[in-house]
Amino acid sequence: WRWLTGAPMSRQWIDFNAISPALPNSVVAAEDAHFCKHRG
């Protein structure tokens, strides 16, 4: 939507294995502590 409306938008894809492990660890701790246990 931002791209279609001309609003600023930047994203550069980064593969999971290239991301610092600290980020997924922190995001799961913050957003979804049971991520590994539930089925969605």
PDB file of all heavy atoms in Angstrom:
ATOM      1  N   TRP A   1       0.826  -1.206   0.000  1.00  0.00           N
ATOM      2  CA  TRP A   1       0.000   0.000   0.000  1.00  0.00           C
ATOM      3  C   TRP A   1       0.863   1.259   0.000  1.00  0.00           C
ATOM      4  O   TRP A   1       0.594   2.211  -0.735  1.00  0.00           O
ATOM      5  CB  TRP A   1      -0.932  -0.020   1.200  1.00  0.00           C
ATOM      6  CG  TRP A   1      -1.754   1.229   1.349  1.00  0.00           C
ATOM      7  CD1 TRP A   1      -1.576   2.233   2.253  1.00  0.00           C
ATOM      8  CD2 TRP A   1      -2.875   1.608   0.550  1.00  0.00           C
ATOM      9  NE1 TRP A   1      -2.513   3.219   2.080  1.00  0.00           N
ATOM     10  CE2 TRP A   1      -3.330   2.865   1.040  1.00  0.00           C
ATOM     11  CE3 TRP A   1      -3.539   1.027  -0.517  1.00  0.00           C
ATOM     12  CZ2 TRP A   1      -4.422   3.527   0.488  1.00  0.00           C
ATOM     13  CZ3 TRP A   1      -4.628   1.692  -1.066  1.00  0.00           C
ATOM     14  CH2 TRP A   1      -5.044   2.916  -0.575  1.00  0.00           C
ATOM     15  N   ARG A   2       1.893   1.275   0.827  1.00  0.00           N
ATOM     16  CA  ARG A   2       2.765   2.450   0.873  1.00  0.00           C
ATOM     17  C   ARG A   2       3.458   2.650  -0.475  1.00  0.00           C
ATOM     18  O   ARG A   2       3.628   3.788  -0.939  1.00  0.00           O
ATOM     19  CB  ARG A   2       3.794   2.303   1.996  1.00  0.00           C
ATOM     20  CG  ARG A   2       3.193   2.389   3.394  1.00  0.00           C
ATOM     21  CD  ARG A   2       4.276   2.310   4.460  1.00  0.00           C
ATOM     22  NE  ARG A   2       5.095   3.512   4.475  1.00  0.00           N
ATOM     23  CZ  ARG A   2       4.886   4.562   5.270  1.00  0.00           C
ATOM     24  NH1 ARG A   2       3.880   4.543   6.134  1.00  0.00           N
ATOM     25  NH2 ARG A   2       5.684   5.614   5.227  1.00  0.00           N
ATOM     26  N   TRP A   3       3.868   1.566  -1.091  1.00  0.00           N
ATOM     27  CA  TRP A   3       4.532   1.684  -2.392  1.00  0.00           C
ATOM     28  C   TRP A   3       3.567   2.211  -3.452  1.00  0.00           C
ATOM     29  O   TRP A   3       3.917   3.101  -4.239  1.00  0.00           O
ATOM     30  CB  TRP A   3       5.076   0.320  -2.806  1.00  0.00           C
ATOM     31  CG  TRP A   3       5.793   0.340  -4.118  1.00  0.00           C
ATOM     32  CD1 TRP A   3       7.065   0.770  -4.376  1.00  0.00           C
ATOM     33  CD2 TRP A   3       5.258  -0.083  -5.388  1.00  0.00           C
ATOM     34  NE1 TRP A   3       7.363   0.637  -5.709  1.00  0.00           N
ATOM     35  CE2 TRP A   3       6.278   0.119  -6.354  1.00  0.00           C
ATOM     36  CE3 TRP A   3       4.048  -0.627  -5.796  1.00  0.00           C
ATOM     37  CZ2 TRP A   3       6.090  -0.196  -7.692  1.00  0.00           C
ATOM     38  CZ3 TRP A   3       3.860  -0.935  -7.138  1.00  0.00           C
ATOM     39  CH2 TRP A   3       4.881  -0.715  -8.068  1.00  0.00           C
ATOM     40  N   LEU A   4       2.324   1.702  -3.445  1.00  0.00           N
ATOM     41  CA  LEU A   4       1.336   2.116  -4.441  1.00  0.00           C
ATOM     42  C   LEU A   4       0.923   3.571  -4.258  1.00  0.00           C
ATOM     43  O   LEU A   4       0.619   4.261  -5.240  1.00  0.00           O
ATOM     44  CB  LEU A   4       0.100   1.218  -4.362  1.00  0.00           C
ATOM     45  CG  LEU A   4       0.277  -0.212  -4.882  1.00  0.00           C
ATOM     46  CD1 LEU A   4      -0.950  -1.049  -4.549  1.00  0.00           C
ATOM     47  CD2 LEU A   4       0.525  -0.219  -6.390  1.00  0.00           C
ATOM     48  N   THR A   5       0.909   4.044  -3.021  1.00  0.00           N
ATOM     49  CA  THR A   5       0.483   5.422  -2.760  1.00  0.00           C
ATOM     50  C   THR A   5       1.639   6.412  -2.757  1.00  0.00           C
ATOM     51  O   THR A   5       1.432   7.609  -2.537  1.00  0.00           O
ATOM     52  CB  THR A   5      -0.254   5.505  -1.407  1.00  0.00           C
ATOM     53  OG1 THR A   5       0.607   5.033  -0.357  1.00  0.00           O
ATOM     54  CG2 THR A   5      -1.524   4.671  -1.433  1.00  0.00           C
ATOM     55  N   GLY A   6       2.845   5.932  -2.975  1.00  0.00           N
ATOM     56  CA  GLY A   6       3.995   6.816  -3.022  1.00  0.00           C
ATOM     57  C   GLY A   6       4.553   7.214  -1.674  1.00  0.00           C
ATOM     58  O   GLY A   6       5.412   8.099  -1.588  1.00  0.00           O
ATOM     59  N   ALA A   7       4.082   6.559  -0.606  1.00  0.00           N
ATOM     60  CA  ALA A   7       4.609   6.855   0.731  1.00  0.00           C
ATOM     61  C   ALA A   7       6.000   6.236   0.870  1.00  0.00           C
ATOM     62  O   ALA A   7       6.329   5.260   0.197  1.00  0.00           O
ATOM     63  CB  ALA A   7       3.670   6.301   1.802  1.00  0.00           C
ATOM     64  N   PRO A   8       6.850   6.789   1.737  1.00  0.00           N
ATOM     65  CA  PRO A   8       8.195   6.222   1.915  1.00  0.00           C
ATOM     66  C   PRO A   8       8.117   4.764   2.352  1.00  0.00           C
ATOM     67  O   PRO A   8       7.293   4.393   3.192  1.00  0.00           O
ATOM     68  CB  PRO A   8       8.806   7.090   3.023  1.00  0.00           C
ATOM     69  CG  PRO A   8       8.013   8.345   3.014  1.00  0.00           C
ATOM     70  CD  PRO A   8       6.626   7.982   2.586  1.00  0.00           C
ATOM     71  N   MET A   9       8.965   3.937   1.766  1.00  0.00           N
ATOM     72  CA  MET A   9       8.988   2.522   2.110  1.00  0.00           C
ATOM     73  C   MET A   9      10.351   1.950   1.768  1.00  0.00           C
ATOM     74  O   MET A   9      10.827   2.093   0.648  1.00  0.00           O
ATOM     75  CB  MET A   9       7.895   1.754   1.359  1.00  0.00           C
ATOM     76  CG  MET A   9       7.569   0.388   1.956  1.00  0.00           C
ATOM     77  SD  MET A   9       8.758  -0.933   1.544  1.00  0.00           S
ATOM     78  CE  MET A   9       8.372  -1.196  -0.191  1.00  0.00           C
ATOM     79  N   SER A  10      11.012   1.352   2.749  1.00  0.00           N
ATOM     80  CA  SER A  10      12.291   0.711   2.485  1.00  0.00           C
ATOM     81  C   SER A  10      12.313  -0.654   3.149  1.00  0.00           C
ATOM     82  O   SER A  10      11.879  -0.801   4.291  1.00  0.00           O
ATOM     83  CB  SER A  10      13.456   1.575   3.001  1.00  0.00           C
ATOM     84  OG  SER A  10      13.361   1.766   4.397  1.00  0.00           O
ATOM     85  N   ARG A  11      12.811  -1.649   2.412  1.00  0.00           N
ATOM     86  CA  ARG A  11      12.970  -2.991   2.942  1.00  0.00           C
ATOM     87  C   ARG A  11      14.031  -3.701   2.118  1.00  0.00           C
ATOM     88  O   ARG A  11      13.939  -3.772   0.901  1.00  0.00           O
ATOM     89  CB  ARG A  11      11.661  -3.770   2.866  1.00  0.00           C
ATOM     90  CG  ARG A  11      11.623  -5.070   3.711  1.00  0.00           C
ATOM     91  CD  ARG A  11      12.308  -6.295   3.086  1.00  0.00           C
ATOM     92  NE  ARG A  11      11.677  -6.780   1.873  1.00  0.00           N
ATOM     93  CZ  ARG A  11      10.697  -7.710   1.851  1.00  0.00           C
ATOM     94  NH1 ARG A  11      10.278  -8.242   2.962  1.00  0.00           N
ATOM     95  NH2 ARG A  11      10.170  -8.084   0.693  1.00  0.00           N
ATOM     96  N   GLN A  12      15.010  -4.237   2.773  1.00  0.00           N
ATOM     97  CA  GLN A  12      16.017  -5.076   2.130  1.00  0.00           C
ATOM     98  C   GLN A  12      15.953  -6.433   2.796  1.00  0.00           C
ATOM     99  O   GLN A  12      16.233  -6.564   3.984  1.00  0.00           O
ATOM    100  CB  GLN A  12      17.422  -4.482   2.272  1.00  0.00           C
ATOM    101  CG  GLN A  12      18.506  -5.324   1.598  1.00  0.00           C
ATOM    102  CD  GLN A  12      19.890  -4.726   1.761  1.00  0.00           C
ATOM    103  OE1 GLN A  12      20.044  -3.603   2.227  1.00  0.00           O
ATOM    104  NE2 GLN A  12      20.913  -5.485   1.390  1.00  0.00           N
ATOM    105  N   TRP A  13      15.587  -7.435   2.021  1.00  0.00           N
ATOM    106  CA  TRP A  13      15.433  -8.780   2.589  1.00  0.00           C
ATOM    107  C   TRP A  13      16.777  -9.286   3.119  1.00  0.00           C
ATOM    108  O   TRP A  13      17.818  -9.094   2.491  1.00  0.00           O
ATOM    109  CB  TRP A  13      14.902  -9.749   1.541  1.00  0.00           C
ATOM    110  CG  TRP A  13      14.646 -11.128   2.079  1.00  0.00           C
ATOM    111  CD1 TRP A  13      15.555 -12.143   2.227  1.00  0.00           C
ATOM    112  CD2 TRP A  13      13.402 -11.624   2.556  1.00  0.00           C
ATOM    113  NE1 TRP A  13      14.959 -13.246   2.773  1.00  0.00           N
ATOM    114  CE2 TRP A  13      13.623 -12.950   2.987  1.00  0.00           C
ATOM    115  CE3 TRP A  13      12.120 -11.093   2.661  1.00  0.00           C
ATOM    116  CZ2 TRP A  13      12.607 -13.758   3.502  1.00  0.00           C
ATOM    117  CZ3 TRP A  13      11.101 -11.894   3.178  1.00  0.00           C
ATOM    118  CH2 TRP A  13      11.362 -13.206   3.590  1.00  0.00           C
ATOM    119  N   ILE A  14      16.720  -9.940   4.278  1.00  0.00           N
ATOM    120  CA  ILE A  14      17.903 -10.582   4.837  1.00  0.00           C
ATOM    121  C   ILE A  14      17.524 -11.994   5.251  1.00  0.00           C
ATOM    122  O   ILE A  14      16.508 -12.207   5.923  1.00  0.00           O
ATOM    123  CB  ILE A  14      18.481  -9.782   6.035  1.00  0.00           C
ATOM    124  CG1 ILE A  14      19.709 -10.493   6.603  1.00  0.00           C
ATOM    125  CG2 ILE A  14      17.435  -9.530   7.104  1.00  0.00           C
ATOM    126  CD1 ILE A  14      20.481  -9.664   7.628  1.00  0.00           C
ATOM    127  N   ASP A  15      18.294 -12.969   4.802  1.00  0.00           N
ATOM    128  CA  ASP A  15      18.010 -14.363   5.133  1.00  0.00           C
ATOM    129  C   ASP A  15      18.165 -14.609   6.626  1.00  0.00           C
ATOM    130  O   ASP A  15      18.979 -13.962   7.303  1.00  0.00           O
ATOM    131  CB  ASP A  15      18.941 -15.302   4.359  1.00  0.00           C
ATOM    132  CG  ASP A  15      18.649 -15.314   2.870  1.00  0.00           C
ATOM    133  OD1 ASP A  15      17.522 -14.937   2.479  1.00  0.00           O
ATOM    134  OD2 ASP A  15      19.546 -15.684   2.091  1.00  0.00           O
ATOM    135  N   PHE A  16      17.409 -15.558   7.126  1.00  0.00           N
ATOM    136  CA  PHE A  16      17.389 -15.816   8.558  1.00  0.00           C
ATOM    137  C   PHE A  16      18.784 -16.090   9.107  1.00  0.00           C
ATOM    138  O   PHE A  16      19.161 -15.577  10.168  1.00  0.00           O
ATOM    139  CB  PHE A  16      16.466 -16.992   8.869  1.00  0.00           C
ATOM    140  CG  PHE A  16      16.248 -17.202  10.336  1.00  0.00           C
ATOM    141  CD1 PHE A  16      15.249 -16.531  11.013  1.00  0.00           C
ATOM    142  CD2 PHE A  16      17.048 -18.079  11.051  1.00  0.00           C
ATOM    143  CE1 PHE A  16      15.051 -16.710  12.366  1.00  0.00           C
ATOM    144  CE2 PHE A  16      16.860 -18.266  12.413  1.00  0.00           C
ATOM    145  CZ  PHE A  16      15.857 -17.581  13.075  1.00  0.00           C
ATOM    146  N   ASN A  17      19.556 -16.907   8.406  1.00  0.00           N
ATOM    147  CA  ASN A  17      20.871 -17.292   8.917  1.00  0.00           C
ATOM    148  C   ASN A  17      21.859 -16.130   8.946  1.00  0.00           C
ATOM    149  O   ASN A  17      22.915 -16.237   9.572  1.00  0.00           O
ATOM    150  CB  ASN A  17      21.445 -18.439   8.088  1.00  0.00           C
ATOM    151  CG  ASN A  17      20.693 -19.732   8.309  1.00  0.00           C
ATOM    152  OD1 ASN A  17      20.029 -19.911   9.321  1.00  0.00           O
ATOM    153  ND2 ASN A  17      20.788 -20.644   7.352  1.00  0.00           N
ATOM    154  N   ALA A  18      21.524 -15.041   8.265  1.00  0.00           N
ATOM    155  CA  ALA A  18      22.404 -13.867   8.272  1.00  0.00           C
ATOM    156  C   ALA A  18      22.058 -12.892   9.391  1.00  0.00           C
ATOM    157  O   ALA A  18      22.835 -11.982   9.676  1.00  0.00           O
ATOM    158  CB  ALA A  18      22.335 -13.153   6.928  1.00  0.00           C
ATOM    159  N   ILE A  19      20.896 -13.055  10.010  1.00  0.00           N
ATOM    160  CA  ILE A  19      20.471 -12.153  11.079  1.00  0.00           C
ATOM    161  C   ILE A  19      21.192 -12.526  12.375  1.00  0.00           C
ATOM    162  O   ILE A  19      21.359 -13.703  12.698  1.00  0.00           O
ATOM    163  CB  ILE A  19      18.949 -12.245  11.289  1.00  0.00           C
ATOM    164  CG1 ILE A  19      18.206 -11.851  10.013  1.00  0.00           C
ATOM    165  CG2 ILE A  19      18.500 -11.357  12.445  1.00  0.00           C
ATOM    166  CD1 ILE A  19      16.704 -12.084  10.084  1.00  0.00           C
ATOM    167  N   SER A  20      21.594 -11.534  13.124  1.00  0.00           N
ATOM    168  CA  SER A  20      22.161 -11.796  14.444  1.00  0.00           C
ATOM    169  C   SER A  20      21.179 -12.632  15.260  1.00  0.00           C
ATOM    170  O   SER A  20      19.996 -12.284  15.357  1.00  0.00           O
ATOM    171  CB  SER A  20      22.429 -10.477  15.180  1.00  0.00           C
ATOM    172  OG  SER A  20      22.671 -10.706  16.551  1.00  0.00           O
ATOM    173  N   PRO A  21      21.620 -13.756  15.833  1.00  0.00           N
ATOM    174  CA  PRO A  21      20.698 -14.597  16.617  1.00  0.00           C
ATOM    175  C   PRO A  21      20.011 -13.849  17.748  1.00  0.00           C
ATOM    176  O   PRO A  21      18.932 -14.248  18.196  1.00  0.00           O
ATOM    177  CB  PRO A  21      21.607 -15.704  17.169  1.00  0.00           C
ATOM    178  CG  PRO A  21      22.772 -15.747  16.230  1.00  0.00           C
ATOM    179  CD  PRO A  21      22.971 -14.343  15.765  1.00  0.00           C
ATOM    180  N   ALA A  22      20.609 -12.759  18.190  1.00  0.00           N
ATOM    181  CA  ALA A  22      20.001 -12.000  19.281  1.00  0.00           C
ATOM    182  C   ALA A  22      18.641 -11.427  18.896  1.00  0.00           C
ATOM    183  O   ALA A  22      17.775 -11.242  19.767  1.00  0.00           O
ATOM    184  CB  ALA A  22      20.936 -10.864  19.708  1.00  0.00           C
ATOM    185  N   LEU A  23      18.416 -11.143  17.603  1.00  0.00           N
ATOM    186  CA  LEU A  23      17.157 -10.511  17.209  1.00  0.00           C
ATOM    187  C   LEU A  23      15.979 -11.477  17.277  1.00  0.00           C
ATOM    188  O   LEU A  23      14.978 -11.162  17.929  1.00  0.00           O
ATOM    189  CB  LEU A  23      17.275  -9.880  15.828  1.00  0.00           C
ATOM    190  CG  LEU A  23      16.046  -9.074  15.399  1.00  0.00           C
ATOM    191  CD1 LEU A  23      15.752  -7.953  16.395  1.00  0.00           C
ATOM    192  CD2 LEU A  23      16.229  -8.499  14.000  1.00  0.00           C
ATOM    193  N   PRO A  24      16.019 -12.648  16.612  1.00  0.00           N
ATOM    194  CA  PRO A  24      14.882 -13.560  16.786  1.00  0.00           C
ATOM    195  C   PRO A  24      14.671 -13.958  18.231  1.00  0.00           C
ATOM    196  O   PRO A  24      13.529 -14.112  18.676  1.00  0.00           O
ATOM    197  CB  PRO A  24      15.239 -14.762  15.898  1.00  0.00           C
ATOM    198  CG  PRO A  24      16.677 -14.640  15.602  1.00  0.00           C
ATOM    199  CD  PRO A  24      16.991 -13.187  15.654  1.00  0.00           C
ATOM    200  N   ASN A  25      15.750 -14.118  18.994  1.00  0.00           N
ATOM    201  CA  ASN A  25      15.599 -14.463  20.402  1.00  0.00           C
ATOM    202  C   ASN A  25      14.819 -13.379  21.151  1.00  0.00           C
ATOM    203  O   ASN A  25      13.904 -13.672  21.931  1.00  0.00           O
ATOM    204  CB  ASN A  25      16.974 -14.647  21.049  1.00  0.00           C
ATOM    205  CG  ASN A  25      17.735 -15.829  20.491  1.00  0.00           C
ATOM    206  OD1 ASN A  25      17.173 -16.682  19.810  1.00  0.00           O
ATOM    207  ND2 ASN A  25      19.027 -15.884  20.766  1.00  0.00           N
ATOM    208  N   SER A  26      15.168 -12.121  20.911  1.00  0.00           N
ATOM    209  CA  SER A  26      14.506 -11.014  21.599  1.00  0.00           C
ATOM    210  C   SER A  26      13.071 -10.829  21.123  1.00  0.00           C
ATOM    211  O   SER A  26      12.170 -10.542  21.920  1.00  0.00           O
ATOM    212  CB  SER A  26      15.291  -9.720  21.385  1.00  0.00           C
ATOM    213  OG  SER A  26      16.540  -9.765  22.033  1.00  0.00           O
ATOM    214  N   VAL A  27      12.843 -10.979  19.822  1.00  0.00           N
ATOM    215  CA  VAL A  27      11.506 -10.780  19.273  1.00  0.00           C
ATOM    216  C   VAL A  27      10.538 -11.832  19.811  1.00  0.00           C
ATOM    217  O   VAL A  27       9.403 -11.526  20.185  1.00  0.00           O
ATOM    218  CB  VAL A  27      11.546 -10.786  17.742  1.00  0.00           C
ATOM    219  CG1 VAL A  27      10.145 -10.914  17.156  1.00  0.00           C
ATOM    220  CG2 VAL A  27      12.207  -9.514  17.227  1.00  0.00           C
ATOM    221  N   VAL A  28      10.975 -13.073  19.864  1.00  0.00           N
ATOM    222  CA  VAL A  28      10.111 -14.121  20.411  1.00  0.00           C
ATOM    223  C   VAL A  28       9.858 -13.862  21.896  1.00  0.00           C
ATOM    224  O   VAL A  28       8.732 -14.023  22.385  1.00  0.00           O
ATOM    225  CB  VAL A  28      10.731 -15.512  20.186  1.00  0.00           C
ATOM    226  CG1 VAL A  28       9.974 -16.582  20.969  1.00  0.00           C
ATOM    227  CG2 VAL A  28      10.720 -15.856  18.704  1.00  0.00           C
ATOM    228  N   ALA A  29      10.889 -13.455  22.625  1.00  0.00           N
ATOM    229  CA  ALA A  29      10.711 -13.134  24.040  1.00  0.00           C
ATOM    230  C   ALA A  29       9.710 -12.005  24.233  1.00  0.00           C
ATOM    231  O   ALA A  29       8.941 -11.997  25.199  1.00  0.00           O
ATOM    232  CB  ALA A  29      12.050 -12.757  24.663  1.00  0.00           C
ATOM    233  N   ALA A  30       9.691 -11.053  23.305  1.00  0.00           N
ATOM    234  CA  ALA A  30       8.816  -9.891  23.426  1.00  0.00           C
ATOM    235  C   ALA A  30       7.406 -10.160  22.924  1.00  0.00           C
ATOM    236  O   ALA A  30       6.424  -9.726  23.537  1.00  0.00           O
ATOM    237  CB  ALA A  30       9.410  -8.718  22.661  1.00  0.00           C
ATOM    238  N   GLU A  31       7.286 -10.872  21.822  1.00  0.00           N
ATOM    239  CA  GLU A  31       6.015 -10.954  21.115  1.00  0.00           C
ATOM    240  C   GLU A  31       5.252 -12.253  21.310  1.00  0.00           C
ATOM    241  O   GLU A  31       4.024 -12.271  21.192  1.00  0.00           O
ATOM    242  CB  GLU A  31       6.268 -10.753  19.605  1.00  0.00           C
ATOM    243  CG  GLU A  31       6.811  -9.397  19.228  1.00  0.00           C
ATOM    244  CD  GLU A  31       5.739  -8.329  19.276  1.00  0.00           C
ATOM    245  OE1 GLU A  31       4.866  -8.314  18.402  1.00  0.00           O
ATOM    246  OE2 GLU A  31       5.769  -7.525  20.230  1.00  0.00           O
ATOM    247  N   ASP A  32       5.970 -13.341  21.585  1.00  0.00           N
ATOM    248  CA  ASP A  32       5.285 -14.646  21.525  1.00  0.00           C
ATOM    249  C   ASP A  32       6.121 -15.693  22.251  1.00  0.00           C
ATOM    250  O   ASP A  32       6.773 -16.528  21.631  1.00  0.00           O
ATOM    251  CB  ASP A  32       5.084 -15.035  20.055  1.00  0.00           C
ATOM    252  CG  ASP A  32       4.202 -16.251  19.868  1.00  0.00           C
ATOM    253  OD1 ASP A  32       3.760 -16.834  20.874  1.00  0.00           O
ATOM    254  OD2 ASP A  32       3.965 -16.621  18.702  1.00  0.00           O
ATOM    255  N   ALA A  33       6.064 -15.682  23.583  1.00  0.00           N
ATOM    256  CA  ALA A  33       6.916 -16.568  24.383  1.00  0.00           C
ATOM    257  C   ALA A  33       6.632 -18.047  24.122  1.00  0.00           C
ATOM    258  O   ALA A  33       7.500 -18.895  24.339  1.00  0.00           O
ATOM    259  CB  ALA A  33       6.742 -16.260  25.867  1.00  0.00           C
ATOM    260  N   HIS A  34       5.419 -18.368  23.659  1.00  0.00           N
ATOM    261  CA  HIS A  34       5.047 -19.764  23.390  1.00  0.00           C
ATOM    262  C   HIS A  34       5.133 -20.112  21.905  1.00  0.00           C
ATOM    263  O   HIS A  34       4.489 -21.059  21.453  1.00  0.00           O
ATOM    264  CB  HIS A  34       3.634 -20.032  23.917  1.00  0.00           C
ATOM    265  CG  HIS A  34       3.522 -19.891  25.404  1.00  0.00           C
ATOM    266  ND1 HIS A  34       2.371 -19.455  26.033  1.00  0.00           N
ATOM    267  CD2 HIS A  34       4.426 -20.105  26.387  1.00  0.00           C
ATOM    268  CE1 HIS A  34       2.561 -19.430  27.339  1.00  0.00           C
ATOM    269  NE2 HIS A  34       3.805 -19.815  27.578  1.00  0.00           N
ATOM    270  N   PHE A  35       5.916 -19.347  21.165  1.00  0.00           N
ATOM    271  CA  PHE A  35       6.024 -19.551  19.721  1.00  0.00           C
ATOM    272  C   PHE A  35       6.352 -20.998  19.351  1.00  0.00           C
ATOM    273  O   PHE A  35       5.822 -21.538  18.386  1.00  0.00           O
ATOM    274  CB  PHE A  35       7.098 -18.606  19.167  1.00  0.00           C
ATOM    275  CG  PHE A  35       7.347 -18.731  17.695  1.00  0.00           C
ATOM    276  CD1 PHE A  35       6.393 -18.346  16.770  1.00  0.00           C
ATOM    277  CD2 PHE A  35       8.566 -19.224  17.220  1.00  0.00           C
ATOM    278  CE1 PHE A  35       6.626 -18.444  15.409  1.00  0.00           C
ATOM    279  CE2 PHE A  35       8.814 -19.319  15.861  1.00  0.00           C
ATOM    280  CZ  PHE A  35       7.839 -18.942  14.948  1.00  0.00           C
ATOM    281  N   CYS A  36       7.228 -21.624  20.121  1.00  0.00           N
ATOM    282  CA  CYS A  36       7.645 -22.992  19.803  1.00  0.00           C
ATOM    283  C   CYS A  36       6.622 -24.039  20.215  1.00  0.00           C
ATOM    284  O   CYS A  36       6.738 -25.203  19.815  1.00  0.00           O
ATOM    285  CB  CYS A  36       8.982 -23.306  20.476  1.00  0.00           C
ATOM    286  SG  CYS A  36      10.374 -22.402  19.768  1.00  0.00           S
ATOM    287  N   LYS A  37       5.624 -23.656  21.008  1.00  0.00           N
ATOM    288  CA  LYS A  37       4.683 -24.638  21.552  1.00  0.00           C
ATOM    289  C   LYS A  37       3.343 -24.652  20.831  1.00  0.00           C
ATOM    290  O   LYS A  37       2.712 -25.708  20.711  1.00  0.00           O
ATOM    291  CB  LYS A  37       4.449 -24.363  23.042  1.00  0.00           C
ATOM    292  CG  LYS A  37       5.699 -24.483  23.898  1.00  0.00           C
ATOM    293  CD  LYS A  37       5.403 -24.148  25.359  1.00  0.00           C
ATOM    294  CE  LYS A  37       6.646 -24.237  26.216  1.00  0.00           C
ATOM    295  NZ  LYS A  37       6.378 -23.878  27.638  1.00  0.00           N
ATOM    296  N   HIS A  38       2.874 -23.479  20.391  1.00  0.00           N
ATOM    297  CA  HIS A  38       1.529 -23.445  19.807  1.00  0.00           C
ATOM    298  C   HIS A  38       1.576 -23.795  18.327  1.00  0.00           C
ATOM    299  O   HIS A  38       2.639 -23.873  17.713  1.00  0.00           O
ATOM    300  CB  HIS A  38       0.884 -22.076  20.036  1.00  0.00           C
ATOM    301  CG  HIS A  38       1.603 -20.928  19.383  1.00  0.00           C
ATOM    302  ND1 HIS A  38       1.694 -20.770  18.027  1.00  0.00           N
ATOM    303  CD2 HIS A  38       2.256 -19.861  19.919  1.00  0.00           C
ATOM    304  CE1 HIS A  38       2.360 -19.681  17.739  1.00  0.00           C
ATOM    305  NE2 HIS A  38       2.726 -19.101  18.872  1.00  0.00           N
ATOM    306  N   ARG A  39       0.394 -23.968  17.763  1.00  0.00           N
ATOM    307  CA  ARG A  39       0.270 -24.309  16.337  1.00  0.00           C
ATOM    308  C   ARG A  39      -0.356 -23.152  15.568  1.00  0.00           C
ATOM    309  O   ARG A  39      -1.255 -23.327  14.762  1.00  0.00           O
ATOM    310  CB  ARG A  39      -0.572 -25.581  16.163  1.00  0.00           C
ATOM    311  CG  ARG A  39      -0.076 -26.784  16.934  1.00  0.00           C
ATOM    312  CD  ARG A  39       1.391 -27.093  16.673  1.00  0.00           C
ATOM    313  NE  ARG A  39       1.682 -27.333  15.271  1.00  0.00           N
ATOM    314  CZ  ARG A  39       2.903 -27.481  14.765  1.00  0.00           C
ATOM    315  NH1 ARG A  39       3.958 -27.379  15.573  1.00  0.00           N
ATOM    316  NH2 ARG A  39       3.081 -27.711  13.488  1.00  0.00           N
ATOM    317  N   GLY A  40       0.138 -21.963  15.830  1.00  0.00           N
ATOM    318  CA  GLY A  40      -0.338 -20.778  15.131  1.00  0.00           C
ATOM    319  C   GLY A  40      -1.137 -19.847  16.003  1.00  0.00           C
ATOM    320  O   GLY A  40      -1.093 -18.630  15.835  1.00  0.00           O
TER     321      GLY A  40
END
